Amino acid sequence: FTVRVVVVLLSLLGLAAGGKLLVVPVDGSHWLSMLEVLDSLRHRGHEVVVVAPEVSLYIKPSKNFVMKMYPVPFTQEEMDENLQGFTKDLFEGGFFLERVIRFYRRSKKTSALFLATCAHLLHNRELIRYLEDSKFDAILTDPFLPCGQIVAEHLSVPSLFFLQQMPCGLEYQATQCPNPPSYVPRVFTDHTDHMTFLQRVRNVLYDIPNFFLCDVVFQPYGKLASEFLRRDVTVPDLLRQASIWLMKIDFVLQYPKPLMPNMVLVSGVNCASKKLSQ
């Protein structure tokens, strides 16, 4: 059912005929859930073009869409080692400050790799010229890395975001959605939406590292976007331009929290083909 909802929303791109959709994905589990939607769109007559780096974990060519690949300055081994280290650091225990420092160092290293991937896409003149000439109706992208939105701004086409959540709650900042620490739990706190006073204080303290962690990851994208678009722009400025946020969450497995009108819950889309046992 969830896949059908997403496909209906995306199918509005072309009511009389199949639309032309550009996809700028994020690798890993982000891509695996998006792939389910792309297969359905292709079967409904929409033309899907996926832009991806030559080195990736899961993004591979398919008969259901056109794949446009571009070179990147690192090997498959380097990427695998970096992402495995990131996963290990993310879930390894320890004191809060220790986890923050460890996550800061790993984020700096991993974000440099992904930033290089984005830069090589934007500076690939032949590929960008192809995208300009293709006259897409919209872009579907995961804003976890804002490279797709930079392309959307350059091509002046509507963008649709497909995501679970953004680091540091950037989806709230971009959509001006309320995100009070007295009500919405922060990452790593294990709180629910019903908190005691001390838990709310702890919630505020957990929010503090976001101010510098997100700068490390996202500030370079703002600089890259400003150079490419030839105007001053920040990452929240880019994210603010999205037409629809397709959120892979719901109020069954996650806690209740405020949403804006263009934030649509589509949880379970990556489990659409799975049959649950008794």
Protein backbone atom coordinates (compact mmCIF):
# COMPACT_ATOMS: atom_id res chain seq x y z
CA PHE A 1 0.00 0.00 0.00
CA THR A 2 2.78 2.43 0.90
CA VAL A 3 4.57 1.96 -2.42
CA ARG A 4 1.30 2.74 -4.20
CA VAL A 5 0.92 6.00 -2.27
CA VAL A 6 4.46 7.08 -3.17
CA VAL A 7 4.02 6.10 -6.81
CA VAL A 8 0.72 8.00 -7.06
CA LEU A 9 2.41 11.14 -5.67
CA LEU A 10 5.32 10.86 -8.06
CA SER A 11 3.04 9.96 -10.97
CA LEU A 12 1.49 13.42 -10.76
CA LEU A 13 4.63 14.57 -12.58
CA GLY A 14 2.96 13.62 -15.84
CA LEU A 15 -0.82 13.10 -15.91
CA ALA A 16 -1.35 12.85 -19.65
CA ALA A 17 1.86 10.98 -20.45
CA GLY A 18 4.78 9.42 -18.65
CA GLY A 19 7.00 11.92 -16.85
CA LYS A 20 10.77 12.19 -17.09
CA LEU A 21 12.37 11.78 -13.68
CA LEU A 22 16.00 12.39 -12.76
CA VAL A 23 17.20 10.47 -9.70
CA VAL A 24 20.26 11.50 -7.67
CA PRO A 25 20.42 8.86 -4.90
CA VAL A 26 22.46 8.25 -1.78
CA ASP A 27 24.16 4.85 -1.57
CA GLY A 28 23.55 2.12 0.99
CA SER A 29 20.17 1.41 2.56
CA HIS A 30 18.97 4.80 1.26
CA TRP A 31 19.20 3.41 -2.28
CA LEU A 32 17.63 0.01 -1.55
CA SER A 33 14.33 1.53 -0.37
CA MET A 34 14.28 4.03 -3.26
CA LEU A 35 14.82 1.24 -5.79
CA GLU A 36 11.40 -0.25 -4.99
CA VAL A 37 9.72 3.03 -5.97
CA LEU A 38 11.75 3.45 -9.17
CA ASP A 39 10.76 -0.02 -10.39
CA SER A 40 7.08 0.81 -9.93
CA LEU A 41 7.42 4.18 -11.67
CA ARG A 42 9.13 2.60 -14.67
CA HIS A 43 6.35 0.01 -15.01
CA ARG A 44 3.83 2.87 -15.06
CA GLY A 45 5.45 4.41 -18.10
CA HIS A 46 7.72 7.03 -16.56
CA GLU A 47 11.23 7.49 -17.88
CA VAL A 48 13.76 7.23 -15.06
CA VAL A 49 17.39 8.35 -15.31
CA VAL A 50 19.71 7.59 -12.38
CA VAL A 51 22.97 9.51 -11.92
CA ALA A 52 25.51 7.66 -9.77
CA PRO A 53 29.27 7.39 -9.19
CA GLU A 54 31.23 4.51 -10.74
CA VAL A 55 32.25 3.37 -7.24
CA SER A 56 29.28 2.45 -5.03
CA LEU A 57 27.99 -0.19 -2.63
CA TYR A 58 24.58 -1.07 -4.07
CA ILE A 59 23.78 1.28 -6.97
CA LYS A 60 24.00 -0.92 -10.04
CA PRO A 61 22.56 -0.72 -13.60
CA SER A 62 19.03 -2.06 -14.14
CA LYS A 63 16.73 -2.67 -17.08
CA ASN A 64 14.12 -0.49 -15.36
CA PHE A 65 16.03 2.78 -15.70
CA VAL A 66 18.81 4.54 -17.60
CA MET A 67 22.06 4.72 -15.63
CA LYS A 68 24.49 7.60 -16.08
CA MET A 69 27.75 7.02 -14.19
CA TYR A 70 30.70 9.34 -13.57
CA PRO A 71 34.25 8.75 -12.25
CA VAL A 72 35.29 9.52 -8.66
CA PRO A 73 38.77 9.90 -7.08
CA PHE A 74 38.71 6.83 -4.82
CA THR A 75 38.60 3.04 -5.10
CA GLN A 76 35.96 0.53 -4.02
CA GLU A 77 38.27 -0.70 -1.25
CA GLU A 78 38.68 2.81 0.18
CA MET A 79 34.93 3.35 0.19
CA ASP A 80 34.16 0.00 1.83
CA GLU A 81 36.73 0.57 4.57
CA ASN A 82 35.44 4.06 5.30
CA LEU A 83 31.77 3.09 5.54
CA GLN A 84 32.49 0.02 7.65
CA GLY A 85 34.45 2.21 10.05
CA PHE A 86 31.61 4.73 10.15
CA THR A 87 29.06 2.03 11.06
CA LYS A 88 31.36 0.64 13.76
CA ASP A 89 31.95 4.07 15.30
CA LEU A 90 28.25 4.95 15.17
CA PHE A 91 27.05 1.93 17.14
CA GLU A 92 30.02 1.45 19.47
CA GLY A 93 29.27 2.29 23.08
CA GLY A 94 31.06 4.63 25.46
CA PHE A 95 30.49 7.86 27.36
CA PHE A 96 28.56 10.61 25.61
CA LEU A 97 31.57 12.93 25.09
CA GLU A 98 33.66 10.02 23.84
CA ARG A 99 30.96 9.09 21.31
CA VAL A 100 30.66 12.70 20.13
CA ILE A 101 34.42 13.03 19.53
CA ARG A 102 34.57 9.69 17.76
CA PHE A 103 31.57 10.56 15.60
CA TYR A 104 33.07 13.98 14.82
CA ARG A 105 36.33 12.48 13.54
CA ARG A 106 34.60 9.81 11.48
CA SER A 107 32.05 12.27 10.08
CA LYS A 108 34.86 14.54 8.92
CA LYS A 109 36.56 11.69 7.07
CA THR A 110 33.40 10.20 5.56
CA SER A 111 31.93 13.55 4.54
CA ALA A 112 35.13 14.38 2.64
CA LEU A 113 34.62 11.25 0.56
CA PHE A 114 31.00 12.05 -0.25
CA LEU A 115 31.84 15.71 -0.92
CA ALA A 116 34.43 14.59 -3.49
CA THR A 117 31.72 12.44 -5.11
CA CYS A 118 29.39 15.44 -5.39
CA ALA A 119 32.14 17.74 -6.69
CA HIS A 120 33.03 15.28 -9.45
CA LEU A 121 29.38 15.13 -10.50
CA LEU A 122 28.97 18.91 -10.64
CA HIS A 123 32.29 19.43 -12.46
CA ASN A 124 31.58 16.75 -15.05
CA ARG A 125 30.70 19.14 -17.88
CA GLU A 126 29.64 16.44 -20.32
CA LEU A 127 27.21 14.88 -17.84
CA ILE A 128 25.81 18.23 -16.69
CA ARG A 129 25.28 19.23 -20.33
CA TYR A 130 23.37 15.97 -20.89
CA LEU A 131 21.17 16.70 -17.86
CA GLU A 132 20.50 20.24 -19.10
CA ASP A 133 19.46 18.98 -22.53
CA SER A 134 17.24 16.19 -21.19
CA LYS A 135 14.48 18.53 -19.89
CA PHE A 136 13.46 16.57 -16.80
CA ASP A 137 10.08 17.11 -15.15
CA ALA A 138 11.44 16.67 -11.61
CA ILE A 139 14.28 15.31 -9.50
CA LEU A 140 13.90 12.59 -6.88
CA THR A 141 16.75 12.61 -4.36
CA ASP A 142 17.68 11.79 -0.79
CA PRO A 143 18.67 15.05 0.94
CA PHE A 144 20.86 13.16 3.44
CA LEU A 145 23.53 14.44 1.04
CA PRO A 146 22.31 17.63 -0.70
CA CYS A 147 24.06 17.07 -4.04
CA GLY A 148 20.79 16.20 -5.79
CA GLN A 149 19.22 19.46 -4.66
CA ILE A 150 22.18 21.44 -6.03
CA VAL A 151 21.51 19.80 -9.41
CA ALA A 152 17.80 20.59 -9.07
CA GLU A 153 18.59 24.25 -8.47
CA HIS A 154 20.89 24.33 -11.48
CA LEU A 155 18.28 22.71 -13.75
CA SER A 156 15.41 24.75 -12.24
CA VAL A 157 13.14 21.73 -11.81
CA PRO A 158 10.96 20.67 -8.82
CA SER A 159 12.58 18.33 -6.31
CA LEU A 160 11.05 15.53 -4.28
CA PHE A 161 12.89 14.31 -1.18
CA PHE A 162 12.81 10.64 -0.18
CA LEU A 163 14.32 10.12 3.29
CA GLN A 164 13.99 8.82 6.81
CA GLN A 165 15.51 11.71 8.70
CA MET A 166 18.21 14.35 8.35
CA PRO A 167 21.30 14.70 10.53
CA CYS A 168 20.93 17.35 13.24
CA GLY A 169 17.23 17.79 12.48
CA LEU A 170 17.87 19.84 9.34
CA GLU A 171 14.45 18.86 7.98
CA TYR A 172 12.88 20.93 10.77
CA GLN A 173 15.05 23.95 10.07
CA ALA A 174 14.46 23.75 6.32
CA THR A 175 10.67 23.40 6.57
CA GLN A 176 10.33 25.68 9.64
CA CYS A 177 8.67 22.76 11.42
CA PRO A 178 8.42 22.97 15.23
CA ASN A 179 10.99 20.74 16.96
CA PRO A 180 10.83 21.55 20.69
CA PRO A 181 13.35 19.65 22.89
CA SER A 182 10.65 19.44 25.58
CA TYR A 183 8.59 17.19 23.28
CA VAL A 184 10.68 15.72 20.42
CA PRO A 185 13.44 13.31 21.60
CA ARG A 186 16.97 13.80 20.25
CA VAL A 187 19.12 11.09 18.70
CA PHE A 188 21.00 8.80 21.17
CA THR A 189 18.84 9.83 24.17
CA ASP A 190 16.45 6.83 24.01
CA HIS A 191 13.70 9.14 25.28
CA THR A 192 10.05 8.95 24.27
CA ASP A 193 7.73 11.88 23.64
CA HIS A 194 6.76 11.72 27.34
CA MET A 195 9.75 13.06 29.28
CA THR A 196 10.46 14.13 32.83
CA PHE A 197 12.02 17.53 33.51
CA LEU A 198 15.53 16.05 33.85
CA GLN A 199 15.08 14.13 30.59
CA ARG A 200 14.13 17.37 28.85
CA VAL A 201 17.28 19.02 30.20
CA ARG A 202 19.30 16.06 28.91
CA ASN A 203 17.51 16.43 25.57
CA VAL A 204 18.71 20.03 25.29
CA LEU A 205 22.30 19.04 26.18
CA TYR A 206 22.30 16.35 23.48
CA ASP A 207 21.30 19.00 20.95
CA ILE A 208 24.39 21.16 21.56
CA PRO A 209 26.92 19.06 19.54
CA ASN A 210 24.69 19.40 16.47
CA PHE A 211 25.80 23.01 16.08
CA PHE A 212 29.37 22.01 15.19
CA LEU A 213 28.84 18.43 13.90
CA CYS A 214 26.57 19.63 11.12
CA ASP A 215 28.94 22.43 10.21
CA VAL A 216 31.67 19.86 9.57
CA VAL A 217 29.45 17.78 7.29
CA PHE A 218 27.27 20.34 5.53
CA GLN A 219 29.16 23.65 5.41
CA PRO A 220 31.39 22.40 2.55
CA TYR A 221 28.27 21.62 0.53
CA GLY A 222 27.13 25.20 0.95
CA LYS A 223 30.49 26.42 -0.34
CA LEU A 224 30.39 23.95 -3.26
CA ALA A 225 26.82 24.94 -4.12
CA SER A 226 27.70 28.66 -3.99
CA GLU A 227 30.59 28.14 -6.40
CA PHE A 228 28.57 25.98 -8.78
CA LEU A 229 25.37 28.07 -8.75
CA ARG A 230 27.37 31.35 -8.68
CA ARG A 231 25.41 32.82 -5.80
CA ASP A 232 25.64 32.63 -2.01
CA VAL A 233 23.62 29.71 -0.70
CA THR A 234 23.51 27.57 2.46
CA VAL A 235 22.38 23.98 2.84
CA PRO A 236 19.12 24.99 4.62
CA ASP A 237 18.49 27.36 1.69
CA LEU A 238 18.81 24.40 -0.69
CA LEU A 239 16.61 22.08 1.36
CA ARG A 240 13.95 24.74 1.69
CA GLN A 241 13.22 24.47 -2.05
CA ALA A 242 11.85 20.90 -1.90
CA SER A 243 8.27 20.49 -3.08
CA ILE A 244 7.51 17.30 -1.13
CA TRP A 245 9.29 15.47 1.69
CA LEU A 246 8.46 11.74 1.48
CA MET A 247 9.35 10.60 5.01
CA LYS A 248 10.06 6.91 5.67
CA ILE A 249 8.63 7.13 9.19
CA ASP A 250 5.22 6.66 10.83
CA PHE A 251 3.56 7.16 14.19
CA VAL A 252 3.48 3.43 14.99
CA LEU A 253 7.21 2.67 15.25
CA GLN A 254 8.32 6.27 15.91
CA TYR A 255 7.13 8.80 18.47
CA PRO A 256 4.58 11.48 17.53
CA LYS A 257 6.07 14.79 16.45
CA PRO A 258 5.04 17.91 14.50
CA LEU A 259 4.96 17.79 10.69
CA MET A 260 4.48 20.36 7.95
CA PRO A 261 1.89 19.99 5.15
CA ASN A 262 4.47 18.96 2.53
CA MET A 263 5.89 16.19 4.77
CA VAL A 264 4.18 12.92 3.79
CA LEU A 265 4.68 9.75 5.85
CA VAL A 266 5.50 6.70 3.69
CA SER A 267 6.94 4.27 6.23
CA GLY A 268 7.35 0.66 5.13
CA VAL A 269 8.02 1.37 1.47
CA ASN A 270 11.19 -0.75 1.60
CA CYS A 271 9.22 -3.70 3.02
CA ALA A 272 6.47 -3.66 0.39
CA SER A 273 7.50 -6.97 -1.20
CA LYS A 274 8.03 -8.79 2.09
CA LYS A 275 5.39 -11.19 3.41
CA LEU A 276 5.20 -11.38 7.19
CA SER A 277 5.02 -14.81 8.81
CA GLN A 278 2.29 -15.66 11.28
